[in-house]
Protein backbone atom coordinates (compact mmCIF):
# COMPACT_ATOMS: atom_id res chain seq x y z
CA MET A 1 11.99 38.98 15.22
CA GLY A 2 8.35 39.82 14.87
CA LEU A 3 5.37 38.00 16.22
CA LEU A 4 4.65 36.40 12.86
CA ASP A 5 8.23 35.11 12.61
CA ARG A 6 7.92 33.53 16.03
CA LEU A 7 4.62 31.87 15.14
CA ILE A 8 5.49 30.63 11.66
CA GLY A 9 9.26 30.80 11.38
CA ASN A 10 10.12 27.91 13.66
CA ASP A 11 8.89 25.06 11.45
CA ARG A 12 12.34 23.59 10.87
CA LYS A 13 13.25 23.80 14.55
CA LEU A 14 9.93 22.23 15.52
CA ALA A 15 10.38 19.46 12.98
CA THR A 16 13.83 18.57 14.32
CA THR A 17 12.78 18.59 17.97
CA LYS A 18 9.12 17.79 18.50
CA TYR A 19 8.64 15.46 15.54
CA ALA A 20 12.04 13.78 15.53
CA GLY A 21 11.79 10.04 14.91
CA ARG A 22 8.16 10.18 13.80
CA GLU A 23 6.91 9.12 10.40
CA SER A 24 5.66 12.00 8.27
CA ALA A 25 2.14 11.92 6.86
CA SER A 26 3.42 11.75 3.29
CA ASP A 27 5.78 8.87 4.14
CA ARG A 28 2.92 6.99 5.80
CA ALA A 29 0.60 7.59 2.84
CA SER A 30 3.29 6.34 0.47
CA ARG A 31 3.83 3.22 2.57
CA VAL A 32 0.09 2.49 2.72
CA ARG A 33 -0.30 2.97 -1.06
CA GLN A 34 2.58 0.60 -1.70
CA HIS A 35 1.14 -2.02 0.65
CA GLN A 36 -2.30 -1.79 -0.95
CA HIS A 37 -0.79 -2.06 -4.43
CA ARG A 38 1.09 -5.22 -3.50
CA ALA A 39 -1.93 -6.72 -1.76
CA ARG A 40 -4.10 -6.13 -4.85
CA GLY A 41 -1.49 -7.80 -7.07
CA VAL A 42 -1.31 -10.84 -4.84
CA GLN A 43 -5.09 -11.06 -4.68
CA GLU A 44 -5.44 -10.80 -8.48
CA ALA A 45 -2.80 -13.47 -9.02
CA ALA A 46 -4.55 -15.78 -6.58
CA GLN A 47 -7.89 -15.25 -8.32
CA GLN A 48 -6.36 -15.91 -11.74
CA GLY A 49 -4.68 -19.06 -10.45
CA GLN A 50 -7.93 -20.28 -8.95
CA ALA A 51 -9.80 -19.57 -12.20
CA TRP A 52 -7.19 -21.54 -14.15
CA GLU A 53 -7.42 -24.42 -11.67
CA ASP A 54 -11.23 -24.48 -11.91
CA ALA A 55 -11.09 -24.45 -15.72
CA ASP A 56 -8.47 -27.23 -15.70
CA ARG A 57 -10.64 -29.37 -13.44
CA GLN A 58 -13.60 -28.80 -15.74
CA ARG A 59 -11.51 -29.84 -18.76
CA GLU A 60 -10.45 -33.00 -16.94
CA ARG A 61 -14.04 -33.84 -16.08
CA THR A 62 -15.26 -33.38 -19.67
CA ARG A 63 -12.40 -35.51 -21.02
CA GLY A 64 -13.36 -38.35 -18.72
CA ARG A 65 -16.98 -38.39 -19.92
CA ARG A 66 -16.19 -39.09 -23.56
């Protein structure tokens, strides 16, 4: 085994020992993206619901004035 093999060739061994049980960077990025996507959807739905409610209140107010 050459020096380069010893420096680079132990990635799999290192991954199974040193980083065992830890979340990978790509797994974390995927989890964060998913969370942000869901949060945006919830926020948009809340804003649309509030806009509908405001418009409905306005319609009720204008009906009462006639």
